[in-house]
C-alpha atoms as a PDB file:
ATOM      1  CA  ILE A   1       0.000   0.000   0.000  1.00  0.00           C
ATOM      2  CA  ASN A   2       2.851   2.347   0.831  1.00  0.00           C
ATOM      3  CA  GLN A   3       4.450   1.516  -2.465  1.00  0.00           C
ATOM      4  CA  THR A   4       1.200   2.302  -4.273  1.00  0.00           C
ATOM      5  CA  ARG A   5       0.957   5.561  -2.381  1.00  0.00           C
ATOM      6  CA  GLU A   6       4.505   6.430  -3.360  1.00  0.00           C
ATOM      7  CA  GLN A   7       3.804   5.614  -6.992  1.00  0.00           C
ATOM      8  CA  LEU A   8       0.625   7.654  -6.831  1.00  0.00           C
ATOM      9  CA  ALA A   9       2.541  10.555  -5.263  1.00  0.00           C
ATOM     10  CA  ILE A  10       5.260  10.292  -7.935  1.00  0.00           C
ATOM     11  CA  THR A  11       2.612  10.193 -10.665  1.00  0.00           C
ATOM     12  CA  GLN A  12       0.826  13.200  -9.190  1.00  0.00           C
ATOM     13  CA  LYS A  13       4.102  15.052  -8.830  1.00  0.00           C
ATOM     14  CA  GLY A  14       5.017  14.206 -12.452  1.00  0.00           C
ATOM     15  CA  GLY A  15       1.579  15.297 -13.600  1.00  0.00           C
ATOM     16  CA  GLN A  16       1.962  18.569 -11.753  1.00  0.00           C
ATOM     17  CA  GLU A  17       5.390  19.106 -13.268  1.00  0.00           C
ATOM     18  CA  ASP A  18       4.012  18.327 -16.752  1.00  0.00           C
ATOM     19  CA  HIS A  19       1.129  20.717 -16.111  1.00  0.00           C
ATOM     20  CA  ALA A  20       3.499  23.467 -14.953  1.00  0.00           C
ATOM     21  CA  LYS A  21       5.734  22.877 -17.964  1.00  0.00           C
ATOM     22  CA  LEU A  22       2.767  23.043 -20.362  1.00  0.00           C
ATOM     23  CA  LEU A  23       1.495  26.181 -18.662  1.00  0.00           C
ATOM     24  CA  GLN A  24       4.920  27.805 -19.040  1.00  0.00           C
ATOM     25  CA  GLU A  25       5.082  26.815 -22.727  1.00  0.00           C
ATOM     26  CA  LYS A  26       1.598  28.232 -23.239  1.00  0.00           C
ATOM     27  CA  GLN A  27       2.626  31.529 -21.634  1.00  0.00           C
ATOM     28  CA  GLU A  28       5.786  31.679 -23.757  1.00  0.00           C
ATOM     29  CA  LEU A  29       3.756  31.053 -26.912  1.00  0.00           C
ATOM     30  CA  GLU A  30       1.263  33.726 -25.908  1.00  0.00           C
ATOM     31  CA  GLN A  31       4.109  36.193 -25.321  1.00  0.00           C
ATOM     32  CA  THR A  32       5.675  35.303 -28.665  1.00  0.00           C
ATOM     33  CA  LEU A  33       2.363  35.721 -30.458  1.00  0.00           C
ATOM     34  CA  LEU A  34       1.717  39.003 -28.670  1.00  0.00           C
ATOM     35  CA  ALA A  35       5.173  40.271 -29.664  1.00  0.00           C
ATOM     36  CA  LYS A  36       4.561  39.248 -33.279  1.00  0.00           C
ATOM     37  CA  LEU A  37       1.152  40.926 -33.215  1.00  0.00           C
ATOM     38  CA  LYS A  38       2.643  44.151 -31.864  1.00  0.00           C
ATOM     39  CA  ALA A  39       5.385  44.053 -34.500  1.00  0.00           C
ATOM     40  CA  ALA A  40       2.799  43.532 -37.238  1.00  0.00           C
ATOM     41  CA  GLU A  41       0.703  46.370 -35.825  1.00  0.00           C
ATOM     42  CA  GLU A  42       3.718  48.711 -35.814  1.00  0.00           C
ATOM     43  CA  ALA A  43       4.570  47.708 -39.379  1.00  0.00           C
ATOM     44  CA  SER A  44       0.967  48.381 -40.396  1.00  0.00           C
ATOM     45  CA  LYS A  45       1.040  51.790 -38.715  1.00  0.00           C
ATOM     46  CA  LYS A  46       4.253  52.679 -40.560  1.00  0.00           C
ATOM     47  CA  GLU A  47       2.801  51.501 -43.858  1.00  0.00           C
ATOM     48  CA  ILE A  48      -0.382  53.498 -43.256  1.00  0.00           C
ATOM     49  CA  ALA A  49       1.693  56.588 -42.462  1.00  0.00           C
ATOM     50  CA  GLN A  50       3.726  56.106 -45.655  1.00  0.00           C
ATOM     51  CA  LEU A  51       0.567  55.661 -47.708  1.00  0.00           C
ATOM     52  CA  GLN A  52      -0.990  58.761 -46.165  1.00  0.00           C
ATOM     53  CA  GLU A  53       2.154  60.746 -46.956  1.00  0.00           C
ATOM     54  CA  ALA A  54       2.174  59.436 -50.526  1.00  0.00           C
ATOM     55  CA  LEU A  55      -1.501  60.359 -50.869  1.00  0.00           C
ATOM     56  CA  ALA A  56      -0.842  63.866 -49.537  1.00  0.00           C
ATOM     57  CA  ASN A  57       2.050  64.284 -51.997  1.00  0.00           C
ATOM     58  CA  ALA A  58      -0.100  63.040 -54.871  1.00  0.00           C
ATOM     59  CA  GLN A  59      -2.828  65.512 -53.873  1.00  0.00           C
ATOM     60  CA  LYS A  60      -0.289  68.358 -53.833  1.00  0.00           C
ATOM     61  CA  GLN A  61       0.990  67.346 -57.278  1.00  0.00           C
ATOM     62  CA  LYS A  62      -2.567  67.143 -58.591  1.00  0.00           C
ATOM     63  CA  ASP A  63      -3.396  70.581 -57.189  1.00  0.00           C
ATOM     64  CA  LYS A  64      -0.196  72.008 -58.685  1.00  0.00           C
ATOM     65  CA  ALA A  65      -0.971  70.443 -62.079  1.00  0.00           C
ATOM     66  CA  ILE A  66      -4.526  71.825 -61.996  1.00  0.00           C
ATOM     67  CA  LEU A  67      -3.203  75.293 -61.171  1.00  0.00           C
ATOM     68  CA  GLU A  68      -0.677  75.113 -64.017  1.00  0.00           C
ATOM     69  CA  LEU A  69      -3.378  73.999 -66.446  1.00  0.00           C
ATOM     70  CA  GLN A  70      -5.657  76.829 -65.329  1.00  0.00           C
ATOM     71  CA  GLN A  71      -2.836  79.321 -65.851  1.00  0.00           C
ATOM     72  CA  GLN A  72      -2.124  77.885 -69.315  1.00  0.00           C
ATOM     73  CA  LYS A  73      -5.831  78.074 -70.160  1.00  0.00           C
ATOM     74  CA  GLU A  74      -5.986  81.723 -69.073  1.00  0.00           C
ATOM     75  CA  GLN A  75      -2.862  82.534 -71.102  1.00  0.00           C
ATOM     76  CA  LEU A  76      -4.303  80.814 -74.177  1.00  0.00           C
ATOM     77  CA  GLN A  77      -7.586  82.685 -73.735  1.00  0.00           C
ATOM     78  CA  LYS A  78      -5.691  85.991 -73.556  1.00  0.00           C
ATOM     79  CA  GLU A  79      -3.708  85.082 -76.670  1.00  0.00           C
ATOM     80  CA  LEU A  80      -6.911  84.105 -78.473  1.00  0.00           C
ATOM     81  CA  GLN A  81      -8.587  87.380 -77.500  1.00  0.00           C
ATOM     82  CA  THR A  82      -5.542  89.327 -78.678  1.00  0.00           C
ATOM     83  CA  GLU A  83      -5.526  87.410 -81.960  1.00  0.00           C
ATOM     84  CA  GLN A  84      -9.262  87.913 -82.450  1.00  0.00           C
ATOM     85  CA  HIS A  85      -8.907  91.614 -81.673  1.00  0.00           C
ATOM     86  CA  ALA A  86      -6.050  91.917 -84.170  1.00  0.00           C
ATOM     87  CA  LYS A  87      -8.082  90.080 -86.844  1.00  0.00           C
ATOM     88  CA  SER A  88     -11.038  92.307 -86.106  1.00  0.00           C
ATOM     89  CA  GLU A  89      -8.890  95.414 -86.514  1.00  0.00           C
ATOM     90  CA  VAL A  90      -7.465  94.062 -89.788  1.00  0.00           C
ATOM     91  CA  ALA A  91     -10.963  93.278 -91.027  1.00  0.00           C
ATOM     92  CA  GLU A  92     -12.216  96.737 -90.073  1.00  0.00           C
ATOM     93  CA  GLY A  93      -9.192  98.309 -91.734  1.00  0.00           C
ATOM     94  CA  SER A  94      -9.793  96.246 -94.853  1.00  0.00           C
ATOM     95  CA  GLN A  95     -13.446  97.245 -94.915  1.00  0.00           C
ATOM     96  CA  ARG A  96     -12.475 100.911 -94.593  1.00  0.00           C
ATOM     97  CA  SER A  97      -9.926 100.486 -97.378  1.00  0.00           C
ATOM     98  CA  ILE A  98     -12.479  98.764 -99.586  1.00  0.00           C
ATOM     99  CA  ALA A  99     -15.037 101.468 -98.869  1.00  0.00           C
ATOM    100  CA  ALA A 100     -12.467 104.163 -99.651  1.00  0.00           C
ATOM    101  CA  LEU A 101     -11.486 102.411-102.890  1.00  0.00           C
ATOM    102  CA  GLN A 102     -15.136 102.017-103.830  1.00  0.00           C
ATOM    103  CA  GLU A 103     -15.637 105.731-103.256  1.00  0.00           C
ATOM    104  CA  GLU A 104     -12.601 106.510-105.382  1.00  0.00           C
ATOM    105  CA  ILE A 105     -13.881 104.211-108.139  1.00  0.00           C
ATOM    106  CA  ALA A 106     -17.281 105.826-107.974  1.00  0.00           C
ATOM    107  CA  ALA A 107     -15.689 109.276-108.118  1.00  0.00           C
ATOM    108  CA  LEU A 108     -13.541 108.244-111.115  1.00  0.00           C
ATOM    109  CA  LYS A 109     -16.575 106.823-112.899  1.00  0.00           C
ATOM    110  CA  GLU A 110     -18.444 109.998-112.207  1.00  0.00           C
ATOM    111  CA  LYS A 111     -15.589 112.011-113.716  1.00  0.00           C
ATOM    112  CA  GLN A 112     -15.505 109.713-116.705  1.00  0.00           C
ATOM    113  CA  ASP A 113     -19.214 110.063-117.197  1.00  0.00           C
ATOM    114  CA  LYS A 114     -18.907 113.847-117.247  1.00  0.00           C
END
């Protein structure tokens, strides 16, 4: 009976040691997983920050490009207005010249008819 009690005590002690060892392994695994999770979270935060910075830079470039295009459009509109004004002046000058020539022709015809 004593021998059985000793074996039972040894078995219980071994079971307790196994349980303690498993508990320690579980805690170590949990700590490892937690460390990996924190590392992944930090990496994600860095990546998010980089993406946000890239997005902000892209927005700035887009805004700059839009501004440049608006300035080019305004310049082209000014050039077009200047060109149209110049053509209009040429056309008016031509019409005046034609009218003056027509008057001269009419006056010459009138002289010829007399």
